[in-house]
């Protein structure tokens, strides 16, 4: 017998021992957490970042290089390669990579 793929979130699988109330609360709070609380957390963490503690031109250049590589190569490059592998054209893959960078 083949097992059907569960389409619910990984936090709320029907084969786990959650009560009905827990499943309902998880499903209803998932959107609020994803749309409101998660971006608020990252915005708050970003505002508390102390870039002025990086002293010297070489340290600042290394910091800028790490941020540039992490954002551009990580998101854009990964999305571009995945889109090309799945059959999208170069222009569409680049557009998708740019959109991924704007998603945060």
N, C-alpha and C. Protein backbone atom coordinates (compact mmCIF):
# COMPACT_ATOMS: atom_id res chain seq x y z
N UNK A 1 0.84 -1.18 0.00
CA UNK A 1 0.00 0.00 0.00
C UNK A 1 0.88 1.25 0.00
N UNK A 2 0.64 2.12 -0.92
CA UNK A 2 1.42 3.35 -1.03
C UNK A 2 0.85 4.43 -0.13
N UNK A 3 1.73 5.14 0.51
CA UNK A 3 1.31 6.20 1.41
C UNK A 3 1.12 7.49 0.64
N UNK A 4 0.02 8.18 0.88
CA UNK A 4 -0.24 9.45 0.21
C UNK A 4 0.63 10.53 0.81
N UNK A 5 1.03 11.46 -0.06
CA UNK A 5 1.81 12.59 0.40
C UNK A 5 0.93 13.53 1.21
N UNK A 6 1.43 13.95 2.34
CA UNK A 6 0.67 14.84 3.20
C UNK A 6 0.92 16.28 2.75
N UNK A 7 -0.12 17.03 2.47
CA UNK A 7 0.02 18.39 1.97
C UNK A 7 -0.06 19.44 3.06
N UNK A 8 -0.25 19.05 4.30
CA UNK A 8 -0.28 20.03 5.37
C UNK A 8 1.15 20.43 5.72
N UNK A 9 1.27 21.45 6.53
CA UNK A 9 2.60 21.94 6.88
C UNK A 9 3.35 20.89 7.70
N UNK A 10 4.66 21.05 7.77
CA UNK A 10 5.48 20.09 8.51
C UNK A 10 5.23 20.17 10.01
N UNK A 11 4.63 21.26 10.47
CA UNK A 11 4.34 21.40 11.88
C UNK A 11 3.06 20.66 12.27
N UNK A 12 2.23 20.37 11.31
CA UNK A 12 0.93 19.81 11.62
C UNK A 12 0.63 18.65 10.69
N UNK A 13 1.25 17.54 10.91
CA UNK A 13 0.98 16.35 10.11
C UNK A 13 -0.13 15.56 10.78
N UNK A 14 -0.99 14.99 9.98
CA UNK A 14 -2.12 14.25 10.53
C UNK A 14 -1.70 12.95 11.19
N UNK A 15 -0.53 12.41 10.83
CA UNK A 15 -0.10 11.16 11.42
C UNK A 15 0.59 11.36 12.77
N UNK A 16 0.77 12.61 13.21
CA UNK A 16 1.35 12.87 14.51
C UNK A 16 0.26 12.88 15.56
N UNK A 17 0.65 12.92 16.80
CA UNK A 17 -0.32 12.82 17.89
C UNK A 17 -0.80 14.18 18.38
N UNK A 18 -1.03 15.13 17.47
CA UNK A 18 -1.59 16.43 17.86
C UNK A 18 -3.09 16.28 18.06
N UNK A 19 -3.61 17.03 19.00
CA UNK A 19 -5.06 17.03 19.18
C UNK A 19 -5.69 17.86 18.08
N UNK A 20 -6.98 17.76 17.95
CA UNK A 20 -7.70 18.53 16.93
C UNK A 20 -7.53 20.02 17.15
N UNK A 21 -7.57 20.45 18.41
CA UNK A 21 -7.40 21.87 18.72
C UNK A 21 -6.02 22.36 18.32
N UNK A 22 -4.99 21.55 18.60
CA UNK A 22 -3.63 21.94 18.24
C UNK A 22 -3.49 22.08 16.73
N UNK A 23 -4.08 21.17 15.97
CA UNK A 23 -4.01 21.26 14.51
C UNK A 23 -4.69 22.53 14.00
N UNK A 24 -5.84 22.85 14.57
CA UNK A 24 -6.56 24.06 14.15
C UNK A 24 -5.76 25.31 14.49
N UNK A 25 -5.20 25.36 15.70
CA UNK A 25 -4.40 26.53 16.10
C UNK A 25 -3.16 26.70 15.24
N UNK A 26 -2.50 25.60 14.91
CA UNK A 26 -1.31 25.68 14.06
C UNK A 26 -1.68 26.17 12.67
N UNK A 27 -2.73 25.63 12.10
CA UNK A 27 -3.13 26.04 10.75
C UNK A 27 -3.55 27.51 10.70
N UNK A 28 -4.27 27.97 11.72
CA UNK A 28 -4.74 29.36 11.72
C UNK A 28 -3.64 30.37 12.03
N UNK A 29 -2.66 29.97 12.83
CA UNK A 29 -1.59 30.91 13.18
C UNK A 29 -0.45 30.89 12.19
N UNK A 30 -0.40 29.90 11.30
CA UNK A 30 0.71 29.78 10.35
C UNK A 30 0.84 31.02 9.46
N UNK A 31 -0.28 31.52 8.93
CA UNK A 31 -0.22 32.69 8.06
C UNK A 31 0.21 33.94 8.81
N UNK A 32 -0.30 34.14 10.02
CA UNK A 32 0.07 35.32 10.80
C UNK A 32 1.56 35.30 11.12
N UNK A 33 2.05 34.14 11.51
CA UNK A 33 3.48 34.02 11.85
C UNK A 33 4.33 34.27 10.62
N UNK A 34 3.96 33.66 9.49
CA UNK A 34 4.76 33.78 8.28
C UNK A 34 4.71 35.18 7.69
N UNK A 35 3.56 35.81 7.68
CA UNK A 35 3.40 37.10 7.01
C UNK A 35 3.74 38.28 7.91
N UNK A 36 3.46 38.18 9.20
CA UNK A 36 3.63 39.33 10.08
C UNK A 36 4.81 39.19 11.04
N UNK A 37 4.85 38.11 11.80
CA UNK A 37 5.85 38.01 12.86
C UNK A 37 7.27 37.73 12.35
N UNK A 38 7.41 36.87 11.36
CA UNK A 38 8.74 36.54 10.85
C UNK A 38 9.43 37.76 10.22
N UNK A 39 8.77 38.52 9.33
CA UNK A 39 9.42 39.73 8.82
C UNK A 39 9.70 40.77 9.91
N UNK A 40 8.82 40.86 10.90
CA UNK A 40 9.05 41.81 11.99
C UNK A 40 10.29 41.41 12.79
N UNK A 41 10.49 40.12 12.99
CA UNK A 41 11.69 39.65 13.70
C UNK A 41 12.95 40.04 12.95
N UNK A 42 12.97 39.77 11.63
CA UNK A 42 14.17 40.09 10.86
C UNK A 42 14.40 41.60 10.74
N UNK A 43 13.33 42.38 10.66
CA UNK A 43 13.49 43.84 10.64
C UNK A 43 14.07 44.33 11.96
N UNK A 44 13.57 43.81 13.06
CA UNK A 44 14.07 44.20 14.38
C UNK A 44 15.54 43.79 14.54
N UNK A 45 15.87 42.58 14.11
CA UNK A 45 17.26 42.12 14.21
C UNK A 45 18.17 42.97 13.32
N UNK A 46 17.69 43.35 12.14
CA UNK A 46 18.48 44.18 11.25
C UNK A 46 18.72 45.57 11.80
N UNK A 47 17.71 46.13 12.48
CA UNK A 47 17.87 47.47 13.05
C UNK A 47 18.82 47.47 14.24
N UNK A 48 18.99 46.33 14.88
CA UNK A 48 19.89 46.24 16.02
C UNK A 48 21.32 45.92 15.61
N UNK A 49 21.56 45.70 14.32
CA UNK A 49 22.90 45.37 13.85
C UNK A 49 23.79 46.60 13.98
N UNK A 50 24.95 46.40 14.56
CA UNK A 50 25.89 47.50 14.80
C UNK A 50 27.02 47.43 13.78
N UNK A 51 26.84 48.02 12.61
CA UNK A 51 27.87 48.00 11.57
C UNK A 51 29.02 48.95 11.93
N UNK A 52 28.78 49.87 12.85
CA UNK A 52 29.84 50.79 13.24
C UNK A 52 30.93 50.11 14.05
N UNK A 53 30.69 48.90 14.51
CA UNK A 53 31.72 48.17 15.25
C UNK A 53 32.78 47.58 14.33
N UNK A 54 32.52 47.56 13.03
CA UNK A 54 33.51 47.10 12.06
C UNK A 54 34.47 48.27 11.85
N UNK A 55 35.72 48.08 12.23
CA UNK A 55 36.68 49.18 12.14
C UNK A 55 37.73 48.88 11.07
N UNK A 56 38.10 49.89 10.35
CA UNK A 56 39.13 49.76 9.33
C UNK A 56 38.54 49.44 7.96
N UNK A 57 39.27 49.87 6.95
CA UNK A 57 38.79 49.69 5.58
C UNK A 57 38.81 48.23 5.15
N UNK A 58 39.83 47.49 5.58
CA UNK A 58 39.90 46.08 5.17
C UNK A 58 38.79 45.26 5.82
N UNK A 59 38.47 45.52 7.07
CA UNK A 59 37.37 44.81 7.74
C UNK A 59 36.04 45.15 7.10
N UNK A 60 35.86 46.41 6.74
CA UNK A 60 34.63 46.83 6.10
C UNK A 60 34.50 46.19 4.71
N UNK A 61 35.61 46.10 3.98
CA UNK A 61 35.59 45.48 2.66
C UNK A 61 35.27 43.98 2.76
N UNK A 62 35.83 43.31 3.75
CA UNK A 62 35.53 41.90 3.95
C UNK A 62 34.06 41.71 4.31
N UNK A 63 33.54 42.56 5.16
CA UNK A 63 32.14 42.49 5.56
C UNK A 63 31.22 42.72 4.35
N UNK A 64 31.55 43.70 3.54
CA UNK A 64 30.75 43.99 2.34
C UNK A 64 30.82 42.84 1.34
N UNK A 65 31.99 42.23 1.20
CA UNK A 65 32.14 41.09 0.30
C UNK A 65 31.32 39.89 0.76
N UNK A 66 31.32 39.64 2.06
CA UNK A 66 30.53 38.53 2.60
C UNK A 66 29.04 38.76 2.36
N UNK A 67 28.58 39.97 2.61
CA UNK A 67 27.16 40.29 2.39
C UNK A 67 26.81 40.18 0.91
N UNK A 68 27.67 40.69 0.05
CA UNK A 68 27.41 40.64 -1.39
C UNK A 68 27.36 39.20 -1.90
N UNK A 69 28.32 38.38 -1.48
CA UNK A 69 28.35 36.98 -1.92
C UNK A 69 27.16 36.22 -1.36
N UNK A 70 26.84 36.43 -0.10
CA UNK A 70 25.73 35.71 0.52
C UNK A 70 24.40 36.05 -0.14
N UNK A 71 24.18 37.31 -0.46
CA UNK A 71 22.91 37.70 -1.04
C UNK A 71 22.85 37.41 -2.53
N UNK A 72 23.84 37.84 -3.26
CA UNK A 72 23.79 37.71 -4.71
C UNK A 72 24.03 36.28 -5.17
N UNK A 73 25.14 35.71 -4.77
CA UNK A 73 25.47 34.36 -5.23
C UNK A 73 24.52 33.33 -4.63
N UNK A 74 24.19 33.51 -3.38
CA UNK A 74 23.33 32.55 -2.72
C UNK A 74 21.92 32.52 -3.28
N UNK A 75 21.27 33.66 -3.29
CA UNK A 75 19.89 33.70 -3.74
C UNK A 75 19.79 33.75 -5.26
N UNK A 76 20.44 34.72 -5.86
CA UNK A 76 20.32 34.87 -7.31
C UNK A 76 20.90 33.67 -8.03
N UNK A 77 22.11 33.29 -7.67
CA UNK A 77 22.77 32.18 -8.35
C UNK A 77 22.04 30.87 -8.17
N UNK A 78 21.61 30.58 -6.96
CA UNK A 78 20.88 29.35 -6.71
C UNK A 78 19.56 29.30 -7.45
N UNK A 79 18.84 30.40 -7.45
CA UNK A 79 17.57 30.46 -8.16
C UNK A 79 17.78 30.38 -9.66
N UNK A 80 18.78 31.08 -10.17
CA UNK A 80 19.06 31.06 -11.60
C UNK A 80 19.40 29.65 -12.07
N UNK A 81 20.27 28.97 -11.34
CA UNK A 81 20.68 27.62 -11.74
C UNK A 81 19.50 26.66 -11.66
N UNK A 82 18.72 26.74 -10.59
CA UNK A 82 17.56 25.85 -10.44
C UNK A 82 16.54 26.10 -11.55
N UNK A 83 16.33 27.36 -11.90
CA UNK A 83 15.37 27.67 -12.97
C UNK A 83 15.87 27.18 -14.32
N UNK A 84 17.15 27.31 -14.58
CA UNK A 84 17.71 26.82 -15.85
C UNK A 84 17.62 25.30 -15.94
N UNK A 85 17.89 24.62 -14.83
CA UNK A 85 17.83 23.16 -14.82
C UNK A 85 16.41 22.68 -15.10
N UNK A 86 15.41 23.41 -14.60
CA UNK A 86 14.03 23.00 -14.80
C UNK A 86 13.48 23.43 -16.15
N UNK A 87 14.28 24.09 -16.98
CA UNK A 87 13.86 24.38 -18.35
C UNK A 87 13.51 25.82 -18.65
N UNK A 88 13.62 26.72 -17.71
CA UNK A 88 13.33 28.12 -18.00
C UNK A 88 14.47 28.73 -18.82
N UNK A 89 14.14 29.74 -19.60
CA UNK A 89 15.15 30.44 -20.37
C UNK A 89 16.00 31.32 -19.47
N UNK A 90 17.09 31.84 -20.04
CA UNK A 90 18.01 32.66 -19.25
C UNK A 90 17.36 33.93 -18.73
N UNK A 91 16.55 34.56 -19.56
CA UNK A 91 15.91 35.81 -19.14
C UNK A 91 14.90 35.57 -18.01
N UNK A 92 14.10 34.52 -18.15
CA UNK A 92 13.12 34.19 -17.10
C UNK A 92 13.83 33.76 -15.82
N UNK A 93 14.92 33.01 -15.95
CA UNK A 93 15.67 32.57 -14.78
C UNK A 93 16.30 33.76 -14.06
N UNK A 94 16.82 34.73 -14.82
CA UNK A 94 17.39 35.93 -14.21
C UNK A 94 16.31 36.75 -13.52
N UNK A 95 15.15 36.86 -14.15
CA UNK A 95 14.04 37.58 -13.52
C UNK A 95 13.64 36.93 -12.22
N UNK A 96 13.57 35.62 -12.20
CA UNK A 96 13.23 34.89 -10.99
C UNK A 96 14.29 35.10 -9.92
N UNK A 97 15.56 35.11 -10.31
CA UNK A 97 16.63 35.36 -9.36
C UNK A 97 16.58 36.75 -8.75
N UNK A 98 16.23 37.74 -9.57
CA UNK A 98 16.09 39.11 -9.07
C UNK A 98 14.91 39.20 -8.12
N UNK A 99 13.81 38.54 -8.47
CA UNK A 99 12.64 38.56 -7.59
C UNK A 99 12.93 37.88 -6.26
N UNK A 100 13.73 36.84 -6.28
CA UNK A 100 14.11 36.19 -5.02
C UNK A 100 14.93 37.12 -4.14
N UNK A 101 15.76 37.96 -4.74
CA UNK A 101 16.52 38.92 -3.94
C UNK A 101 15.65 40.00 -3.35
N UNK A 102 14.55 40.35 -4.02
CA UNK A 102 13.66 41.36 -3.46
C UNK A 102 12.76 40.78 -2.40
N UNK A 103 12.65 39.45 -2.33
CA UNK A 103 11.76 38.82 -1.35
C UNK A 103 12.33 38.89 0.07
N UNK A 104 13.61 39.16 0.19
CA UNK A 104 14.18 39.32 1.51
C UNK A 104 14.83 38.16 2.10
